[in-house]
Protein backbone atom coordinates (compact mmCIF):
# COMPACT_ATOMS: atom_id res chain seq x y z
CA MET A 1 -30.74 16.86 -2.22
CA GLU A 2 -33.86 18.89 -1.52
CA ILE A 3 -32.50 20.71 1.55
CA PHE A 4 -29.14 22.34 2.20
CA PRO A 5 -27.80 21.49 5.67
CA ILE A 6 -26.18 24.37 7.54
CA SER A 7 -25.13 25.04 11.13
CA LEU A 8 -26.42 28.34 12.56
CA LYS A 9 -24.57 30.31 15.23
CA LEU A 10 -27.34 31.48 17.55
CA GLN A 11 -25.37 32.61 20.60
CA GLY A 12 -26.97 35.82 21.83
CA GLN A 13 -29.43 35.89 18.90
CA PRO A 14 -33.15 36.62 19.46
CA CYS A 15 -35.34 33.68 18.38
CA LEU A 16 -39.13 33.47 18.59
CA ILE A 17 -41.36 30.52 19.38
CA VAL A 18 -45.09 30.95 18.69
CA GLY A 19 -46.86 28.58 21.07
CA GLY A 20 -46.56 27.84 24.76
CA GLY A 21 -47.10 24.08 25.06
CA HIS A 22 -44.92 21.00 25.33
CA ILE A 23 -43.83 20.99 21.69
CA ALA A 24 -42.71 24.60 22.04
CA TYR A 25 -40.83 23.62 25.20
CA ARG A 26 -38.90 20.86 23.36
CA LYS A 27 -37.78 23.31 20.67
CA ALA A 28 -36.82 25.87 23.33
CA VAL A 29 -34.53 23.35 25.02
CA LEU A 30 -32.54 22.94 21.78
CA LEU A 31 -32.37 26.68 21.11
CA ALA A 32 -31.23 27.33 24.69
CA LYS A 33 -28.40 24.82 24.28
CA ALA A 34 -27.27 26.82 21.25
CA GLY A 35 -27.18 30.03 23.31
CA ALA A 36 -30.20 31.72 21.77
CA ILE A 37 -32.30 34.39 23.50
CA ILE A 38 -35.77 32.87 23.44
CA HIS A 39 -38.98 34.88 23.13
CA VAL A 40 -42.43 33.29 23.20
CA ILE A 41 -45.79 34.50 21.91
CA ALA A 42 -48.78 32.54 23.26
CA PRO A 43 -51.99 33.12 25.22
CA GLU A 44 -50.73 30.60 27.83
CA ILE A 45 -47.33 29.07 28.64
CA GLU A 46 -46.06 25.99 30.46
CA PRO A 47 -44.02 26.81 33.58
CA SER A 48 -40.99 24.84 32.30
CA LEU A 49 -41.00 26.86 29.06
CA LEU A 50 -41.31 30.12 30.97
CA GLU A 51 -38.24 29.14 33.02
CA ILE A 52 -36.20 28.75 29.83
CA VAL A 53 -37.42 32.13 28.53
CA HIS A 54 -36.29 33.84 31.73
CA ALA A 55 -32.99 31.89 31.86
CA THR A 56 -32.07 33.07 28.35
CA GLN A 57 -33.03 36.71 29.09
CA GLY A 58 -35.96 36.50 26.69
CA GLN A 59 -39.56 37.70 27.00
CA PHE A 60 -42.98 36.08 27.14
CA HIS A 61 -45.70 37.98 25.26
CA GLN A 62 -49.07 36.72 26.49
CA VAL A 63 -51.08 37.44 23.36
CA GLU A 64 -52.57 35.64 20.38
CA PHE A 65 -50.37 35.84 17.28
CA ASP A 66 -51.56 38.13 14.50
CA ASP A 67 -49.91 39.45 11.35
CA GLN A 68 -49.43 42.91 12.90
CA ILE A 69 -46.71 41.61 15.22
CA SER A 70 -43.26 42.58 13.93
CA LEU A 71 -40.95 39.62 13.29
CA SER A 72 -38.15 41.36 11.43
CA HIS A 73 -35.71 41.50 14.37
CA TYR A 74 -35.78 37.73 15.03
CA ARG A 75 -33.00 35.51 13.64
CA LEU A 76 -35.45 32.62 13.27
CA VAL A 77 -39.03 31.75 14.18
CA ILE A 78 -40.67 28.45 15.13
CA ALA A 79 -44.44 28.01 14.89
CA ALA A 80 -45.36 25.38 17.48
CA THR A 81 -49.08 25.74 18.06
CA ASN A 82 -51.80 23.15 17.54
CA ASN A 83 -53.66 25.55 15.25
CA SER A 84 -52.73 25.06 11.59
CA ALA A 85 -54.16 28.47 10.62
CA VAL A 86 -51.91 30.23 13.13
CA ASN A 87 -48.88 28.25 11.98
CA GLN A 88 -49.59 29.17 8.38
CA ALA A 89 -49.96 32.85 9.29
CA VAL A 90 -46.59 32.76 11.06
CA PHE A 91 -45.01 31.14 8.01
CA GLU A 92 -46.44 33.72 5.60
CA ALA A 93 -45.37 36.64 7.79
CA CYS A 94 -41.81 35.28 7.99
CA GLU A 95 -41.66 34.61 4.24
CA ASP A 96 -42.57 38.25 3.54
CA LEU A 97 -39.58 39.31 5.67
CA ASN A 98 -37.13 36.56 4.57
CA VAL A 99 -36.92 35.35 8.17
CA LEU A 100 -36.10 31.66 8.65
CA VAL A 101 -39.23 29.83 9.83
CA ASN A 102 -40.16 26.30 10.89
CA SER A 103 -43.69 25.03 11.41
CA VAL A 104 -43.50 21.95 13.58
CA ASP A 105 -44.55 18.76 11.77
CA ASP A 106 -45.73 20.80 8.77
CA PRO A 107 -43.03 20.54 6.02
CA PRO A 108 -44.83 22.71 3.41
CA HIS A 109 -44.66 25.64 5.86
CA CYS A 110 -40.99 25.31 6.74
CA ARG A 111 -38.03 27.26 5.40
CA PHE A 112 -35.72 25.19 7.62
CA MET A 113 -35.99 21.81 9.33
CA VAL A 114 -34.94 20.93 12.87
CA PRO A 115 -32.90 17.72 12.55
CA ALA A 116 -32.32 14.90 15.00
CA ILE A 117 -29.15 15.91 16.83
CA ILE A 118 -26.18 14.09 18.36
CA ASP A 119 -24.45 16.55 20.67
CA ARG A 120 -20.76 16.00 21.30
CA SER A 121 -20.03 19.71 21.45
CA PRO A 122 -18.22 21.23 19.71
CA LEU A 123 -18.89 18.21 17.46
CA VAL A 124 -22.56 18.18 16.45
CA VAL A 125 -24.09 15.60 14.11
CA SER A 126 -27.53 16.19 12.61
CA ILE A 127 -29.81 13.81 10.72
CA ALA A 128 -32.72 15.04 8.62
CA THR A 129 -35.24 13.51 6.22
CA ASN A 130 -36.67 16.78 4.84
CA GLY A 131 -39.63 16.32 7.15
CA ALA A 132 -40.62 13.03 5.51
CA SER A 133 -39.91 10.78 8.49
CA PRO A 134 -38.81 12.30 11.82
CA VAL A 135 -39.10 8.89 13.49
CA LEU A 136 -36.54 7.44 11.06
CA SER A 137 -34.19 10.35 11.82
CA ARG A 138 -34.46 9.57 15.53
CA GLN A 139 -33.80 5.88 14.96
CA ILE A 140 -30.66 6.67 12.98
CA ARG A 141 -29.60 9.09 15.71
CA THR A 142 -29.96 6.30 18.28
CA GLN A 143 -27.73 4.02 16.21
CA LEU A 144 -25.09 6.72 15.77
CA GLU A 145 -25.20 7.67 19.47
CA ALA A 146 -23.77 4.24 20.25
CA ALA A 147 -21.12 4.50 17.53
CA ILE A 148 -19.74 7.97 18.33
CA PRO A 149 -17.75 8.06 21.59
CA HIS A 150 -18.58 10.90 23.98
CA GLY A 151 -14.88 11.78 23.95
CA MET A 152 -15.19 13.03 20.36
CA GLY A 153 -16.17 16.42 21.73
CA LYS A 154 -12.91 16.58 23.67
CA LEU A 155 -11.00 15.59 20.54
CA ALA A 156 -12.67 18.37 18.55
CA ASP A 157 -11.75 20.88 21.28
CA PHE A 158 -8.16 19.62 21.36
CA SER A 159 -7.88 19.86 17.57
CA GLY A 160 -9.20 23.41 17.64
CA LYS A 161 -6.50 24.39 20.13
CA TRP A 162 -3.78 23.15 17.76
CA ARG A 163 -5.39 24.15 14.47
CA LYS A 164 -3.55 27.46 14.02
CA VAL A 165 -0.17 25.96 14.91
CA VAL A 166 -0.62 23.09 12.46
CA LYS A 167 -1.79 25.47 9.72
CA GLU A 168 1.34 27.62 10.15
CA LYS A 169 3.59 24.56 10.00
CA ILE A 170 1.81 22.81 7.08
CA ALA A 171 0.51 25.38 4.62
CA ASN A 172 -0.77 22.97 1.95
CA PRO A 173 -4.39 22.02 2.84
CA ASP A 174 -4.15 18.54 1.25
CA GLU A 175 -0.99 17.76 3.24
CA ARG A 176 -2.58 19.20 6.37
CA ARG A 177 -5.58 16.90 5.98
CA ILE A 178 -3.27 13.89 5.75
CA PHE A 179 -1.46 15.06 8.89
CA TRP A 180 -4.70 15.18 10.89
CA GLU A 181 -5.93 11.84 9.50
CA ASN A 182 -2.66 10.18 10.50
CA LEU A 183 -2.83 11.80 13.92
CA TYR A 184 -6.39 10.62 14.56
CA ALA A 185 -5.28 7.07 13.67
CA SER A 186 -2.51 7.26 16.30
CA PRO A 187 -2.76 6.82 20.11
CA LEU A 188 -3.51 10.56 20.38
CA LYS A 189 -7.26 9.98 20.34
CA GLU A 190 -7.22 7.69 23.37
CA HIS A 191 -5.00 10.12 25.30
CA VAL A 192 -7.51 12.92 24.70
CA PHE A 193 -10.47 10.67 25.58
CA ASN A 194 -8.76 9.83 28.89
CA ASP A 195 -7.77 13.46 29.61
CA ASN A 196 -4.04 12.74 29.20
CA ILE A 197 -3.63 16.15 27.56
CA ILE A 198 0.09 16.51 28.38
CA GLU A 199 0.85 13.28 26.53
CA ALA A 200 -1.45 14.28 23.67
CA ASP A 201 0.34 17.62 23.35
CA HIS A 202 3.67 15.81 23.27
CA LEU A 203 2.46 13.51 20.47
CA ILE A 204 1.31 16.36 18.26
CA GLU A 205 4.50 18.34 18.88
CA GLN A 206 6.54 15.29 17.90
CA ALA A 207 4.41 14.70 14.80
CA LEU A 208 4.93 18.32 13.69
CA THR A 209 8.67 18.09 14.28
CA GLU A 210 8.96 14.89 12.23
CA TRP A 211 6.53 15.95 9.49
CA GLN A 212 7.65 15.39 5.93
CA LYS A 213 5.85 16.00 2.68
CA PRO A 214 3.76 12.83 2.10
CA LYS A 215 4.48 10.55 -0.83
CA GLY A 216 1.71 9.80 -3.26
CA GLU A 217 -0.02 6.44 -3.39
CA VAL A 218 -2.56 4.71 -5.63
CA TYR A 219 -5.46 2.63 -4.34
CA LEU A 220 -6.62 0.18 -7.01
CA ILE A 221 -10.16 -0.49 -5.81
CA GLY A 222 -12.82 -2.88 -7.06
CA ALA A 223 -16.20 -1.12 -6.77
CA GLY A 224 -18.23 -4.30 -7.31
CA PRO A 225 -21.04 -4.76 -9.84
CA GLY A 226 -23.16 -1.75 -8.86
CA ASP A 227 -24.91 -2.11 -5.51
CA PRO A 228 -23.04 0.22 -3.09
CA GLU A 229 -23.73 -2.15 -0.18
CA LEU A 230 -21.42 -4.69 -1.82
CA LEU A 231 -18.36 -2.46 -1.29
CA THR A 232 -15.79 -3.74 1.18
CA LEU A 233 -15.08 -1.75 4.34
CA LYS A 234 -11.51 -1.12 3.17
CA ALA A 235 -12.70 0.13 -0.21
CA LEU A 236 -15.04 2.61 1.44
CA ARG A 237 -12.35 3.87 3.84
CA LEU A 238 -9.83 4.51 1.07
CA MET A 239 -12.43 6.06 -1.24
CA GLN A 240 -13.23 8.60 1.46
CA GLN A 241 -9.63 9.66 2.02
CA ALA A 242 -8.42 9.85 -1.61
CA ASP A 243 -7.56 13.26 -3.08
CA VAL A 244 -8.20 12.16 -6.67
CA VAL A 245 -10.70 9.58 -7.98
CA ILE A 246 -10.14 8.15 -11.45
CA TYR A 247 -13.19 6.06 -12.29
CA ASP A 248 -14.58 3.80 -15.00
CA ARG A 249 -17.89 3.68 -16.86
CA LEU A 250 -19.11 0.74 -14.80
CA VAL A 251 -18.83 2.57 -11.47
CA SER A 252 -22.42 3.37 -10.47
CA ALA A 253 -23.48 6.88 -9.43
CA PRO A 254 -24.41 5.84 -5.85
CA ILE A 255 -20.90 4.39 -5.38
CA LEU A 256 -19.25 7.52 -6.76
CA GLU A 257 -21.28 9.52 -4.24
CA LEU A 258 -19.48 7.67 -1.44
CA CYS A 259 -16.09 9.08 -2.47
CA ARG A 260 -14.74 12.10 -0.64
CA ARG A 261 -16.97 14.95 -1.71
CA ASP A 262 -14.20 17.45 -2.43
CA ALA A 263 -11.91 14.99 -4.24
CA THR A 264 -11.00 15.66 -7.87
CA LYS A 265 -13.00 13.20 -9.98
CA ILE A 266 -11.78 12.16 -13.44
CA TYR A 267 -13.86 9.99 -15.77
CA VAL A 268 -11.84 7.56 -17.93
CA GLY A 269 -14.62 5.18 -18.92
CA LYS A 270 -14.42 2.88 -21.89
CA ALA A 271 -17.27 1.71 -24.09
CA ARG A 272 -17.08 -0.35 -27.26
CA SER A 273 -15.13 1.64 -29.87
CA ASN A 274 -15.23 4.68 -27.56
CA HIS A 275 -12.41 5.07 -25.06
CA SER A 276 -12.64 8.49 -23.38
CA VAL A 277 -9.02 8.08 -22.25
CA PRO A 278 -6.79 5.33 -23.73
CA GLN A 279 -5.13 2.90 -21.33
CA ASP A 280 -1.72 4.55 -21.68
CA GLY A 281 -3.34 7.84 -20.75
CA ILE A 282 -4.91 6.31 -17.66
CA ASN A 283 -1.57 4.89 -16.58
CA ALA A 284 0.02 8.31 -17.07
CA LEU A 285 -2.67 10.00 -14.95
CA LEU A 286 -2.07 7.59 -12.08
CA VAL A 287 1.66 8.24 -12.14
CA GLN A 288 1.23 12.00 -12.55
CA TYR A 289 -1.09 12.56 -9.58
CA ALA A 290 0.74 10.15 -7.28
CA SER A 291 4.05 11.86 -8.17
CA GLU A 292 2.48 15.12 -6.97
CA GLY A 293 1.96 13.54 -3.54
CA LYS A 294 -1.75 12.82 -4.06
CA ARG A 295 -3.62 9.81 -2.78
CA VAL A 296 -5.25 8.45 -5.91
CA CYS A 297 -8.27 6.13 -5.95
CA ARG A 298 -8.40 4.12 -9.17
CA LEU A 299 -12.01 2.97 -9.00
CA LYS A 300 -13.08 0.09 -11.24
CA GLY A 301 -16.35 -1.76 -11.63
CA GLY A 302 -16.27 -5.35 -10.38
CA ASP A 303 -12.82 -6.63 -9.42
CA PRO A 304 -9.69 -4.92 -10.82
CA PHE A 305 -7.91 -8.22 -11.48
CA ILE A 306 -10.72 -9.90 -13.42
CA PHE A 307 -10.85 -8.39 -16.93
CA GLY A 308 -10.14 -5.02 -15.31
CA ARG A 309 -6.59 -4.40 -16.62
CA GLY A 310 -5.54 -3.79 -13.04
CA GLY A 311 -2.36 -5.79 -13.52
CA GLU A 312 -1.27 -3.51 -16.38
CA GLU A 313 -1.84 -0.42 -14.29
CA ILE A 314 0.14 -1.53 -11.26
CA GLN A 315 2.98 -2.71 -13.51
CA GLU A 316 3.22 0.91 -14.64
CA LEU A 317 3.14 2.10 -11.03
CA TYR A 318 5.84 -0.36 -10.05
CA GLN A 319 8.11 0.82 -12.85
CA ALA A 320 7.57 4.45 -11.79
CA GLY A 321 8.32 3.66 -8.13
CA ILE A 322 4.81 4.57 -6.97
CA SER A 323 3.36 2.90 -3.86
CA PHE A 324 0.03 1.16 -4.36
CA GLN A 325 -2.59 -0.98 -2.67
CA VAL A 326 -5.04 -3.37 -4.33
CA VAL A 327 -8.52 -3.75 -2.85
CA PRO A 328 -10.48 -6.62 -4.44
CA GLY A 329 -14.13 -6.15 -5.28
CA ILE A 330 -17.04 -8.49 -5.88
CA THR A 331 -16.71 -9.40 -9.53
CA ALA A 332 -19.75 -9.20 -11.80
CA ALA A 333 -19.87 -12.99 -12.16
CA SER A 334 -20.52 -13.63 -8.48
CA GLY A 335 -22.52 -10.48 -7.77
CA CYS A 336 -24.87 -10.59 -10.75
CA SER A 337 -25.39 -14.36 -10.62
CA ALA A 338 -26.27 -14.17 -6.91
CA TYR A 339 -28.78 -11.34 -7.45
CA ALA A 340 -30.31 -13.28 -10.34
CA GLY A 341 -30.66 -16.46 -8.27
CA ILE A 342 -28.22 -18.49 -10.38
CA PRO A 343 -25.52 -20.42 -8.51
CA LEU A 344 -22.33 -20.65 -10.55
CA THR A 345 -21.62 -24.12 -9.21
CA HIS A 346 -23.92 -26.86 -7.95
CA ARG A 347 -23.12 -30.43 -6.99
CA ASP A 348 -25.69 -31.82 -9.40
CA TYR A 349 -25.17 -29.45 -12.35
CA ALA A 350 -21.73 -27.81 -12.47
CA GLN A 351 -18.47 -28.80 -10.81
CA SER A 352 -16.46 -26.00 -12.44
CA VAL A 353 -16.92 -22.43 -13.60
CA ARG A 354 -14.97 -20.56 -16.25
CA PHE A 355 -14.69 -16.79 -16.72
CA LEU A 356 -14.27 -15.61 -20.32
CA THR A 357 -14.20 -12.33 -22.20
CA GLY A 358 -16.51 -12.11 -25.17
CA HIS A 359 -14.71 -9.23 -26.85
CA LEU A 360 -14.46 -9.63 -30.60
CA LYS A 361 -11.13 -9.55 -32.38
CA GLU A 362 -11.39 -8.80 -36.10
CA GLY A 363 -15.14 -9.43 -35.92
CA SER A 364 -14.94 -12.87 -34.29
CA PRO A 365 -14.49 -14.09 -30.69
CA GLU A 366 -11.28 -16.07 -30.17
CA LEU A 367 -12.03 -18.71 -27.54
CA PRO A 368 -10.87 -22.34 -26.96
CA TRP A 369 -14.18 -23.76 -28.12
CA ASN A 370 -13.36 -27.45 -27.61
CA GLU A 371 -12.51 -26.82 -23.95
CA LEU A 372 -15.80 -25.00 -23.38
CA VAL A 373 -18.14 -27.74 -24.57
CA TYR A 374 -18.58 -29.63 -21.33
CA GLU A 375 -21.98 -30.44 -19.83
CA ASN A 376 -21.15 -29.96 -16.12
CA GLN A 377 -19.43 -26.59 -16.46
CA THR A 378 -20.70 -23.02 -16.13
CA LEU A 379 -19.43 -20.42 -18.59
CA VAL A 380 -19.51 -16.75 -17.61
CA LEU A 381 -18.90 -14.25 -20.40
CA TYR A 382 -17.95 -10.67 -19.67
CA MET A 383 -18.48 -8.08 -22.42
CA GLY A 384 -20.05 -10.68 -24.70
CA LEU A 385 -23.25 -8.94 -25.75
CA VAL A 386 -22.07 -7.78 -29.19
CA GLY A 387 -20.62 -11.17 -30.15
CA LEU A 388 -23.34 -13.24 -28.48
CA GLU A 389 -24.80 -14.67 -31.69
CA LYS A 390 -21.40 -15.86 -32.97
CA ILE A 391 -20.47 -17.27 -29.58
CA CYS A 392 -23.66 -19.33 -29.46
CA GLU A 393 -23.12 -20.52 -33.04
CA GLN A 394 -19.55 -21.63 -32.28
CA LEU A 395 -20.53 -23.51 -29.11
CA ILE A 396 -23.26 -25.38 -30.99
CA ALA A 397 -20.92 -26.04 -33.92
CA HIS A 398 -18.38 -27.58 -31.52
CA GLY A 399 -20.91 -29.94 -29.98
CA GLN A 400 -22.81 -28.12 -27.27
CA ARG A 401 -26.53 -28.89 -27.31
CA PRO A 402 -28.72 -26.03 -28.58
CA SER A 403 -31.07 -26.42 -25.58
CA MET A 404 -28.34 -25.47 -23.05
CA PRO A 405 -29.85 -22.77 -20.78
CA VAL A 406 -28.45 -19.23 -21.04
CA ALA A 407 -29.11 -16.12 -18.91
CA LEU A 408 -28.41 -12.50 -19.73
CA ILE A 409 -28.11 -10.23 -16.69
CA SER A 410 -28.17 -6.56 -17.61
CA LYS A 411 -27.13 -3.91 -15.06
CA GLY A 412 -26.93 -6.57 -12.37
CA THR A 413 -27.31 -5.74 -8.66
CA THR A 414 -28.74 -2.30 -9.48
CA PRO A 415 -32.40 -1.17 -9.38
CA ASP A 416 -32.39 -1.45 -13.20
CA GLN A 417 -31.37 -5.12 -13.21
CA LYS A 418 -33.01 -7.15 -15.96
CA VAL A 419 -32.67 -10.90 -16.47
CA VAL A 420 -33.54 -12.68 -19.71
CA VAL A 421 -33.41 -16.48 -19.90
CA GLY A 422 -33.25 -18.61 -23.04
CA THR A 423 -31.15 -21.26 -24.71
CA LEU A 424 -28.09 -21.26 -26.94
CA ALA A 425 -30.46 -21.59 -29.89
CA ASP A 426 -32.63 -18.55 -29.17
CA ILE A 427 -30.93 -16.22 -26.65
CA ALA A 428 -29.36 -13.95 -29.30
CA SER A 429 -32.78 -13.19 -30.76
CA LYS A 430 -34.00 -12.02 -27.33
CA VAL A 431 -31.45 -9.22 -26.96
CA GLU A 432 -33.14 -6.68 -29.21
CA GLU A 433 -36.60 -7.97 -28.39
CA ASN A 434 -36.07 -7.23 -24.68
CA HIS A 435 -33.93 -4.10 -25.13
CA ILE A 436 -30.92 -5.59 -23.36
CA GLN A 437 -28.03 -3.14 -23.13
CA ALA A 438 -24.51 -3.16 -21.74
CA PRO A 439 -23.25 -3.83 -19.19
CA THR A 440 -24.59 -7.36 -19.54
CA LEU A 441 -23.19 -10.60 -18.15
CA THR A 442 -23.89 -13.89 -19.94
CA ILE A 443 -24.15 -17.17 -18.02
CA ILE A 444 -24.25 -20.45 -19.96
CA GLY A 445 -24.92 -23.73 -18.19
CA GLU A 446 -27.49 -25.99 -16.64
CA VAL A 447 -27.33 -23.95 -13.40
CA VAL A 448 -29.44 -21.30 -15.18
CA SER A 449 -32.41 -23.66 -14.92
CA LEU A 450 -32.30 -23.24 -11.12
CA ARG A 451 -33.21 -19.55 -11.35
CA GLU A 452 -36.96 -20.27 -11.29
CA GLN A 453 -36.57 -21.82 -7.81
CA LEU A 454 -33.78 -19.67 -6.37
CA GLN A 455 -34.42 -16.10 -7.55
CA TRP A 456 -34.87 -13.78 -4.60
CA GLN A 457 -34.01 -10.28 -5.80
CA PHE A 458 -37.05 -8.14 -6.63
CA LEU A 459 -37.00 -7.13 -10.26
CA PRO A 460 -39.29 -4.38 -11.59
CA ASN A 461 -39.49 -6.09 -14.99
CA PRO A 462 -38.71 -9.82 -14.65
CA ILE A 463 -38.63 -11.68 -17.98
């Protein structure tokens, strides 16, 4: 994040615009809405801009800007001339005084940016691109304008009226947040939108009277294979309301960013021979935080019920009497294969697909080899990179042809995705050669041969 978004209170504050044309007028309109007292320095001024100056009790100084003009008493300054030298001089003068300054459409000479704004006062939403693409900001604003009802401003006003009362009744901030979230999900919102304030007041009074300390709950959420756009809507909603997030190694950074920003985040990732927190410890954490009344997001890569030990965790919750929800995610098999252009089933090549774990036990994978040697079947191995050579040897030893196509998909669905294709006979030798690292999914079957025709996902380093 290259810029820090803030909301400035400018009511009654003197603000200066250098420039008297249409661009200056557009900035003055926004400042006037915020209650600022607007002053303008320019050799000439548009009549509409002069009207705003007078309406806000400001002054128009009909002079050219020079560095002898004092700027220290202005809360902020906007340089809006068509002369880059003047704009730069304004910027430098403000920098010397630590006065906030914006040069219109000139990011290097800006100490603050003017975002695209959605005004539902007192609710205000701003969108900024750090000056890189104002047009994109405006397009996003247009999309959000349609999604945010105009009544949201009324709801913000109504909430402000009750804020002190609710705070006195519910002292704990986490519990208070849950109270408001529950209230906004009730009919209260529609009553406020329709100006039924008496009924809305009645609903909030009733909710306060009936309020009880909330019970904790655990959300067991599948985060998918890595691409944040593969999250389900329910997963995203629960991630953003959880008080505590307990997450695995396979949860990508962009997905973790989508969790509630002020939630407590606890890493419990497991790698081969390196478990930061053992499974019993994870189970205990879930029970502990939920018992404290917290809403806990247990965030797992892929799907929690496919080699995710989700069943073990909710068994523990059940025994402890903790409420829970399970939100399925796109498992690595379907996500990574789709992004690699490899269908898991195909009428001509594979009428069945089998998910397997390639974890080694005492140095050797324990799999039902005879059941796996079948021409029209796709095998998908999770966590099979370390034992790949022995797995290939066993399949060949039990009758599978050495030329059977195999694909390795490393870090699938992410920008770092890498796909290596080979056969049972040679795929193990390609791991080190191509620097393949975990997490890697292995697909074995004739469907891999379709990748050349069906791949669609751009890969920086296709192999």
